[in-house]
Protein backbone atom coordinates (compact mmCIF):
# COMPACT_ATOMS: atom_id res chain seq x y z
CA UNK A 1 -33.78 6.81 41.76
CA UNK A 2 -34.80 5.39 38.60
CA UNK A 3 -32.92 5.75 35.11
CA UNK A 4 -31.67 8.83 34.10
CA UNK A 5 -30.78 10.52 30.56
CA UNK A 6 -26.71 10.84 31.60
CA UNK A 7 -24.44 8.90 33.54
CA UNK A 8 -20.86 8.97 34.23
CA UNK A 9 -18.99 5.99 34.40
CA UNK A 10 -15.17 6.37 36.69
CA UNK A 11 -13.53 3.64 37.82
CA UNK A 12 -10.81 4.17 40.66
CA UNK A 13 -7.82 2.82 42.25
CA UNK A 14 -5.86 4.53 44.82
CA UNK A 15 -7.46 7.37 43.74
CA UNK A 16 -8.61 9.43 46.94
CA UNK A 17 -5.92 12.92 45.85
CA UNK A 18 -8.62 13.21 43.06
CA UNK A 19 -11.86 12.06 43.92
CA UNK A 20 -13.32 15.34 45.49
CA UNK A 21 -12.00 17.27 42.79
CA UNK A 22 -13.58 14.81 40.14
CA UNK A 23 -17.08 14.88 41.62
CA UNK A 24 -16.75 18.74 41.32
CA UNK A 25 -16.03 18.87 37.89
CA UNK A 26 -18.15 15.98 36.65
CA UNK A 27 -21.40 17.29 39.46
CA UNK A 28 -20.85 20.64 37.60
CA UNK A 29 -20.69 19.57 34.06
CA UNK A 30 -23.46 17.56 34.57
CA UNK A 31 -25.44 19.46 35.81
CA UNK A 32 -25.14 21.77 32.78
CA UNK A 33 -26.59 19.19 30.27
CA UNK A 34 -29.06 17.18 32.44
CA UNK A 35 -30.27 19.27 34.90
CA UNK A 36 -31.24 17.01 37.93
CA UNK A 37 -31.37 13.95 35.52
CA UNK A 38 -27.54 12.47 35.57
CA UNK A 39 -25.48 10.32 38.46
CA UNK A 40 -21.81 9.88 39.15
CA UNK A 41 -21.16 6.25 39.52
CA UNK A 42 -17.97 5.13 40.75
CA UNK A 43 -16.64 1.85 41.60
CA UNK A 44 -13.85 1.34 43.83
CA UNK A 45 -11.14 -1.10 42.58
CA UNK A 46 -9.85 -2.84 45.69
CA UNK A 47 -8.19 0.33 46.82
CA UNK A 48 -5.44 0.00 49.62
CA UNK A 49 -5.67 3.74 49.96
CA UNK A 50 -8.55 5.56 51.37
CA UNK A 51 -10.46 5.71 48.25
CA UNK A 52 -13.36 3.87 49.40
CA UNK A 53 -14.39 6.14 52.78
CA UNK A 54 -14.46 9.40 50.55
CA UNK A 55 -16.47 7.38 48.02
CA UNK A 56 -18.96 6.69 50.73
CA UNK A 57 -19.32 10.34 51.92
CA UNK A 58 -19.65 11.53 48.85
CA UNK A 59 -22.74 9.14 48.42
CA UNK A 60 -23.79 9.81 51.76
CA UNK A 61 -23.92 13.64 50.85
CA UNK A 62 -25.10 14.00 47.57
CA UNK A 63 -27.92 11.69 46.32
CA UNK A 64 -26.61 11.79 42.95
CA UNK A 65 -23.46 9.05 43.10
CA UNK A 66 -23.47 5.79 43.05
CA UNK A 67 -20.78 4.72 44.82
CA UNK A 68 -19.49 0.70 44.27
CA UNK A 69 -16.87 -1.42 46.49
CA UNK A 70 -15.59 -4.14 44.40
CA UNK A 71 -14.38 -7.45 46.55
CA UNK A 72 -10.01 -6.67 45.40
CA UNK A 73 -8.65 -5.46 42.70
CA UNK A 74 -10.33 -6.82 39.82
CA UNK A 75 -7.95 -4.36 36.78
CA UNK A 76 -9.39 -1.08 35.07
CA UNK A 77 -11.55 -3.07 32.38
CA UNK A 78 -13.49 -5.60 35.00
CA UNK A 79 -14.07 -2.70 37.31
CA UNK A 80 -15.61 0.17 34.28
CA UNK A 81 -18.03 -3.17 33.58
CA UNK A 82 -18.76 -3.60 37.06
CA UNK A 83 -20.05 0.16 36.50
CA UNK A 84 -21.45 -0.36 32.98
CA UNK A 85 -23.54 -2.95 34.40
CA UNK A 86 -24.63 -1.41 37.14
CA UNK A 87 -25.42 2.91 35.81
CA UNK A 88 -29.03 3.47 34.36
CA UNK A 89 -28.24 6.49 31.68
CA UNK A 90 -29.41 6.99 28.39
CA UNK A 91 -26.49 7.82 28.21
CA UNK A 92 -23.00 7.06 28.60
CA UNK A 93 -19.31 9.20 29.80
CA UNK A 94 -16.73 6.94 30.26
CA UNK A 95 -13.73 8.87 32.47
CA UNK A 96 -10.70 7.80 34.07
CA UNK A 97 -10.75 8.89 37.81
CA UNK A 98 -7.30 11.49 36.98
CA UNK A 99 -9.16 13.53 35.07
CA UNK A 100 -6.51 13.92 32.41
CA UNK A 101 -9.49 13.61 29.92
CA UNK A 102 -10.98 16.94 30.86
CA UNK A 103 -14.89 16.52 31.78
CA UNK A 104 -15.56 19.52 30.60
CA UNK A 105 -15.84 18.35 27.04
CA UNK A 106 -18.55 16.62 27.91
CA UNK A 107 -21.52 19.05 25.71
CA UNK A 108 -19.54 19.53 22.79
CA UNK A 109 -19.52 15.41 22.80
CA UNK A 110 -23.08 15.29 23.43
CA UNK A 111 -23.55 18.08 21.07
CA UNK A 112 -21.99 15.90 17.69
CA UNK A 113 -24.00 12.91 18.90
CA UNK A 114 -27.00 15.07 18.69
CA UNK A 115 -26.17 17.13 15.86
CA UNK A 116 -24.95 13.82 14.38
CA UNK A 117 -27.29 10.53 14.92
CA UNK A 118 -23.73 8.36 16.85
CA UNK A 119 -24.36 5.71 19.05
CA UNK A 120 -20.37 6.89 20.01
CA UNK A 121 -18.53 9.67 20.38
CA UNK A 122 -14.75 9.17 21.30
CA UNK A 123 -12.07 11.08 22.48
CA UNK A 124 -8.77 10.87 20.18
CA UNK A 125 -5.92 12.40 22.11
CA UNK A 126 -4.63 15.02 19.47
CA UNK A 127 -1.59 15.45 22.43
CA UNK A 128 -0.84 13.32 25.56
CA UNK A 129 0.66 16.18 28.95
CA UNK A 130 2.69 14.39 30.70
CA UNK A 131 3.60 11.91 29.63
CA UNK A 132 6.80 10.00 29.37
CA UNK A 133 8.30 9.82 25.65
CA UNK A 134 8.88 6.09 26.32
CA UNK A 135 4.96 5.97 27.26
CA UNK A 136 4.38 7.89 23.65
CA UNK A 137 5.86 5.58 21.84
CA UNK A 138 5.22 2.36 23.38
CA UNK A 139 1.07 3.74 22.74
CA UNK A 140 1.97 4.63 19.36
CA UNK A 141 3.41 1.47 18.66
CA UNK A 142 0.64 -0.88 20.21
CA UNK A 143 -2.26 1.37 17.95
CA UNK A 144 -0.55 1.11 15.05
CA UNK A 145 0.24 -2.63 14.89
CA UNK A 146 -3.13 -3.05 16.15
CA UNK A 147 -4.73 -1.67 13.89
CA UNK A 148 -2.69 -3.63 11.66
CA UNK A 149 -3.43 -7.19 13.75
CA UNK A 150 -6.85 -6.52 14.08
CA UNK A 151 -9.40 -7.95 12.11
CA UNK A 152 -11.51 -4.75 13.27
CA UNK A 153 -10.71 -1.41 13.06
CA UNK A 154 -9.32 -0.14 15.97
CA UNK A 155 -9.54 3.40 16.41
CA UNK A 156 -5.76 4.63 16.93
CA UNK A 157 -4.72 7.05 19.54
CA UNK A 158 -8.15 6.74 21.67
CA UNK A 159 -8.62 5.44 25.39
CA UNK A 160 -11.85 4.33 27.23
CA UNK A 161 -12.98 8.15 27.15
CA UNK A 162 -15.56 7.77 24.66
CA UNK A 163 -20.26 9.15 24.91
CA UNK A 164 -21.68 6.20 24.36
CA UNK A 165 -25.81 5.87 24.19
CA UNK A 166 -27.90 3.06 25.81
CA UNK A 167 -28.59 0.86 23.08
CA UNK A 168 -24.85 0.85 21.69
CA UNK A 169 -23.92 -0.68 25.86
CA UNK A 170 -26.96 -3.02 25.56
CA UNK A 171 -24.86 -4.37 23.28
CA UNK A 172 -21.26 -4.07 24.90
CA UNK A 173 -22.83 -5.62 27.37
CA UNK A 174 -24.13 -8.40 25.49
CA UNK A 175 -20.59 -9.20 25.41
CA UNK A 176 -19.47 -12.36 27.22
CA UNK A 177 -15.99 -12.95 27.26
CA UNK A 178 -13.59 -12.49 30.47
CA UNK A 179 -10.30 -10.63 28.74
CA UNK A 180 -11.65 -7.45 28.04
CA UNK A 181 -10.53 -4.91 25.90
CA UNK A 182 -13.26 -2.44 25.67
CA UNK A 183 -12.18 0.28 23.71
CA UNK A 184 -12.21 -2.80 20.71
CA UNK A 185 -15.18 -4.38 21.48
CA UNK A 186 -16.88 -0.79 21.51
CA UNK A 187 -15.75 -0.81 18.09
CA UNK A 188 -16.47 -4.60 17.77
CA UNK A 189 -20.21 -3.69 18.05
CA UNK A 190 -20.69 -1.34 15.25
CA UNK A 191 -23.01 1.42 14.28
CA UNK A 192 -22.51 4.76 14.04
CA UNK A 193 -19.54 5.76 16.08
CA UNK A 194 -17.37 9.65 15.57
CA UNK A 195 -13.92 10.96 16.52
CA UNK A 196 -13.76 13.73 19.10
CA UNK A 197 -9.95 15.60 19.61
CA UNK A 198 -8.50 16.64 22.41
CA UNK A 199 -5.87 17.58 24.32
CA UNK A 200 -5.25 15.11 26.94
CA UNK A 201 -3.53 16.55 30.19
CA UNK A 202 -1.08 15.68 32.80
CA UNK A 203 -2.86 13.97 36.13
CA UNK A 204 -5.20 15.94 38.75
CA UNK A 205 -3.14 14.40 41.70
CA UNK A 206 -0.69 11.25 42.31
CA UNK A 207 0.95 9.06 39.78
CA UNK A 208 0.02 6.42 37.23
CA UNK A 209 -1.09 3.20 38.61
CA UNK A 210 0.08 1.54 35.96
CA UNK A 211 2.69 -0.66 35.98
CA UNK A 212 4.38 -1.99 32.82
CA UNK A 213 3.39 -5.41 33.38
CA UNK A 214 -0.24 -5.05 33.62
CA UNK A 215 0.43 -2.76 30.23
CA UNK A 216 2.01 -6.16 28.69
CA UNK A 217 -1.05 -8.02 29.79
CA UNK A 218 -3.60 -5.30 28.57
CA UNK A 219 -2.05 -5.16 25.26
CA UNK A 220 -1.88 -9.19 25.23
CA UNK A 221 -5.57 -9.52 26.25
CA UNK A 222 -6.25 -6.95 22.58
CA UNK A 223 -3.81 -8.69 20.45
CA UNK A 224 -5.30 -12.28 21.37
CA UNK A 225 -8.97 -10.79 21.83
CA UNK A 226 -9.20 -9.20 18.28
CA UNK A 227 -6.78 -11.16 16.24
CA UNK A 228 -5.88 -14.41 15.17
CA UNK A 229 -2.60 -12.72 13.31
CA UNK A 230 -0.01 -14.35 15.98
CA UNK A 231 -1.44 -17.59 15.13
CA UNK A 232 -0.85 -17.24 11.16
CA UNK A 233 2.61 -15.89 12.43
CA UNK A 234 3.64 -18.93 13.83
CA UNK A 235 2.69 -20.95 10.67
CA UNK A 236 4.36 -18.54 8.61
CA UNK A 237 7.57 -18.90 10.32
CA UNK A 238 7.82 -22.76 10.60
CA UNK A 239 7.27 -22.69 6.79
CA UNK A 240 10.39 -20.12 6.63
CA UNK A 241 11.69 -22.67 8.34
CA UNK A 242 11.19 -25.71 6.79
CA UNK A 243 12.64 -23.26 3.29
CA UNK A 244 15.75 -22.42 5.17
CA UNK A 245 15.78 -25.84 6.25
CA UNK A 246 16.11 -27.49 3.19
CA UNK A 247 18.00 -24.79 1.58
CA UNK A 248 20.48 -26.38 4.68
CA UNK A 249 20.27 -30.00 3.79
CA UNK A 250 20.62 -28.76 0.00
CA UNK A 251 24.10 -27.46 1.19
CA UNK A 252 25.11 -29.94 3.24
CA UNK A 253 24.39 -32.87 0.65
CA UNK A 254 26.92 -30.24 -2.23
CA UNK A 255 29.40 -30.83 0.04
CA UNK A 256 29.59 -34.18 0.74
CA UNK A 257 28.53 -35.06 -2.61
CA UNK A 258 31.92 -32.63 -3.39
CA UNK A 259 34.06 -34.77 -0.83
CA UNK A 260 34.32 -31.45 1.55
CA UNK A 261 32.13 -33.02 5.04
CA UNK A 262 30.31 -30.28 6.94
CA UNK A 263 31.86 -30.66 10.48
CA UNK A 264 28.85 -32.43 11.62
CA UNK A 265 28.94 -30.68 15.14
CA UNK A 266 28.30 -27.14 14.16
CA UNK A 267 25.51 -27.32 11.68
CA UNK A 268 23.90 -29.42 14.05
CA UNK A 269 23.73 -27.60 17.08
CA UNK A 270 22.70 -24.22 14.93
CA UNK A 271 19.95 -26.66 13.52
CA UNK A 272 19.09 -28.22 17.28
CA UNK A 273 18.99 -24.14 18.59
CA UNK A 274 17.03 -22.80 16.34
CA UNK A 275 14.48 -25.45 16.11
CA UNK A 276 13.84 -25.01 19.40
CA UNK A 277 13.57 -21.90 19.38
CA UNK A 278 10.98 -21.52 16.84
CA UNK A 279 9.18 -24.72 18.82
CA UNK A 280 8.67 -22.27 22.50
CA UNK A 281 7.84 -19.08 20.36
CA UNK A 282 5.13 -20.75 18.51
CA UNK A 283 4.06 -22.84 21.72
CA UNK A 284 3.94 -19.32 23.61
CA UNK A 285 1.62 -18.35 21.01
CA UNK A 286 -0.75 -21.41 21.61
CA UNK A 287 -0.99 -21.58 25.26
CA UNK A 288 -1.84 -17.68 25.28
CA UNK A 289 -4.93 -18.67 23.12
CA UNK A 290 -5.78 -22.11 24.79
CA UNK A 291 -5.49 -20.19 28.01
CA UNK A 292 -7.70 -17.23 27.11
CA UNK A 293 -9.95 -20.40 26.08
CA UNK A 294 -9.64 -22.24 29.77
CA UNK A 295 -10.36 -18.68 31.38
CA UNK A 296 -14.17 -18.40 29.23
CA UNK A 297 -14.86 -21.97 29.99
CA UNK A 298 -14.56 -21.54 33.68
CA UNK A 299 -17.90 -19.12 33.17
CA UNK A 300 -16.74 -17.12 36.64
CA UNK A 301 -18.63 -13.98 37.25
CA UNK A 302 -16.55 -10.70 36.18
CA UNK A 303 -16.48 -9.21 39.51
CA UNK A 304 -17.92 -9.07 42.80
CA UNK A 305 -19.31 -5.97 44.35
CA UNK A 306 -19.35 -6.32 48.22
CA UNK A 307 -20.78 -2.91 49.05
CA UNK A 308 -22.83 -0.14 47.42
CA UNK A 309 -23.08 3.18 48.53
CA UNK A 310 -25.85 5.33 47.46
CA UNK A 311 -29.55 4.39 45.19
CA UNK A 312 -29.31 0.90 44.32
CA UNK A 313 -27.94 -0.06 40.92
CA UNK A 314 -29.12 -2.41 38.42
CA UNK A 315 -29.20 -5.99 38.16
CA UNK A 316 -25.26 -6.82 36.32
CA UNK A 317 -24.73 -9.22 33.47
CA UNK A 318 -21.39 -10.12 34.18
CA UNK A 319 -21.24 -9.55 38.49
CA UNK A 320 -22.00 -11.24 41.66
CA UNK A 321 -23.35 -8.57 44.19
CA UNK A 322 -22.09 -9.57 47.10
CA UNK A 323 -23.98 -7.67 49.39
CA UNK A 324 -24.46 -7.28 52.70
CA UNK A 325 -27.87 -8.99 54.38
CA UNK A 326 -29.15 -5.84 55.32
CA UNK A 327 -29.04 -3.78 51.73
CA UNK A 328 -32.85 -3.30 50.26
CA UNK A 329 -31.13 -4.59 46.96
CA UNK A 330 -30.11 -8.16 47.83
CA UNK A 331 -28.43 -10.09 46.02
CA UNK A 332 -28.16 -10.69 42.08
CA UNK A 333 -26.05 -14.00 40.28
CA UNK A 334 -24.19 -13.53 37.24
CA UNK A 335 -27.17 -13.16 34.49
C-alpha cells in the first residue's frame, strides 16, 4: 500500500485493555474522513502484556493497520517518533492509546485545517476528567513555567494530540535530537498552527503508566531542550552570592575595627555550607546540559524496530530496522 491521505499514529505501552476499542473508534472516524484511504499506525513500546499479540491480530485482519514492535521500551516520545517516521499520510493525527483524547474530534480538526490553511491543529485541554488535583496542579505549573523559560512560544495545556500536514511532519522529522519533547519541537518548526479546544476524557481502561520519575525526566528534557534560562539562573545566583558575601565581609570588617571580633567558627561554617550548596546546584545544572551533549555526540539511532506486522513501512530517519530475514522490506540504517 502506497501513501495515503490520512495516518493515525498511536504509541502503545501495556494497553491491551484499550486496543480493541482504540481500533474500532479510530477506524470508524478515519473511514468517515478518508474512505479507504487511511492507515492506523500502532507502535508497541516494549509492552510486557499482550499488546503486541493483539496488534498482530489486528494487522492480520485489517489491511489498514500497521503494527510496529520496538526492540525494548524506548519511552513515549521515541515510540511516537518511530510511528511518525514510518507513516505515509498526507495528514497525520497523533493520539494516545488510552482514548483520553477522543478520536471523534478528527472531522472537526480536519475542517479547521482546511478552512484556515493551517499546517498544525493542536488540541488544547479545556477540562481534564479523571485526573487528580495534584496532577492538574503540577501540569499547570509545568506549562506556565515552560512559557516563561522557553525561547519559543509553547502552547499551554497541550499534549501530543494534534493533526499535522505532511510538510509540517517532514520539518519535524528533520530535527535529530535524542531527548525529544515533541510538542515543543512542533512549536519550534513554525508554520501556521491553530488551537482546538476540547474536553479530555478519562482513560478508557487500565491505569496511567507515566510514573512521577518519568514525568520529572520529561520536564527536564523539555526545559533543557528549549531553554538556557537555568544556566543564566546559575550565573545570576552566583552574582547574588557574591553580593551577599561582600556585605558579610563588610560587616565582619566593621565589627573587627570596632573591637567586636566576630566568632569565627559559626560564620565560617555558614559561608562554607552556602558556597558548597551553590556550587553543587550550579554543577548539577551544567551537568544536565553536558549530559545531553554527551548523548547527542554518540549519534545512536533513537529506536530499534524488531518486527513489523502489516504493509511495509517507510524508511526511518531516526531509527534502525532490525527485522527478521524473512521480511520483504529488508533493513534500513539510520538515515
